[in-house]
C-alpha cells in the first residue's frame, strides 16, 4: 500500500486485522529524526536533529509551532498533523476570546483527545494516522502531553520521538527525578549531554551547532530558537565538562 493511500482512503485494514494508518504512525515515530523534549519546574527544552526557522520537518516527524507558548510534534501522516494544528489553533483562539485570558494547555490537550478519539471510535472517517506530543507553557508551568493513537494521553516530564529513541530513554531515566530543580543553563547542558550520548555511535550524525536545533520555552518568555553561536557556546561548555571527567 502506497503512502498517499493511507491519507486518501477512509479506513485500511492489514491482512491481520490491524488499522494501517495507526501502524504507519507507529513506524514513522520510530524511524524519523530524533526529537527530545525535557521540562524543569520553570522551563522546557526542545532539541532535535533537524533544522529550520519556523518548521522543523523530516519525512516522518514535524514540529508545528502555532503559538508563542504552544507547539505539537507529530509523526505519521503529515496532512493529519497539519489538520489537527489548524483545529487546535482555532480552539485555542476561541477560548482566549471568550474568556479574555490565555488558554490553559490542559484544556487544549483534552479537546485534542476528544478530536482524535472521535475519529477512532465514533466517526465514519478514518482514524488519524499520527502520534502526537503537545508541549506548552501556561500559568501552571511547562507541560508535555504524549498522545496515543486512540486519543488517550498522559502528562510527562519528557518525550522522545524518532530513530534510536530507546537508547535515549536509558539516559533520561537516570536524571528524570532531578529535572525539576535544574536551572535553564543546567537543563540545556543536560539535554545536550543526553542527546550526544545517545547519538555518539552514529556514523551519519554528529552533534554540531549546524546539525541540531534548540528551542526554549519558559516562565515570562515566549518560545524562541537559539542561534547557532549560542548553541556553539553551550556545546563548548559541554565538551569542556567532558574533558574534565576524562
Foldseek 3Di string as FASTA:
>chain_A
DDQVCLVVPFWDADPVGDTVLQVQQVVLQAAAWKWKWAAAQWKIKIKTQADDFAWTDDPFKIWHDDDQFKIKIKGGDVVLVVVLVVVLSVVQVVVCVVVVHGDDVVVSLLVQLVVQQCQPPPDSGHHHSMWMWMWGQDPSHTWIWTAHNNSDIDTDRMDMTHHLSVLLVVLCVVCVVPRHVDDPLRNVLSVCVSVCVSCVPPPPDDDALVRMWMWMDGDPGTIDTDHSVVSNVSVVVSVVVVVVVD
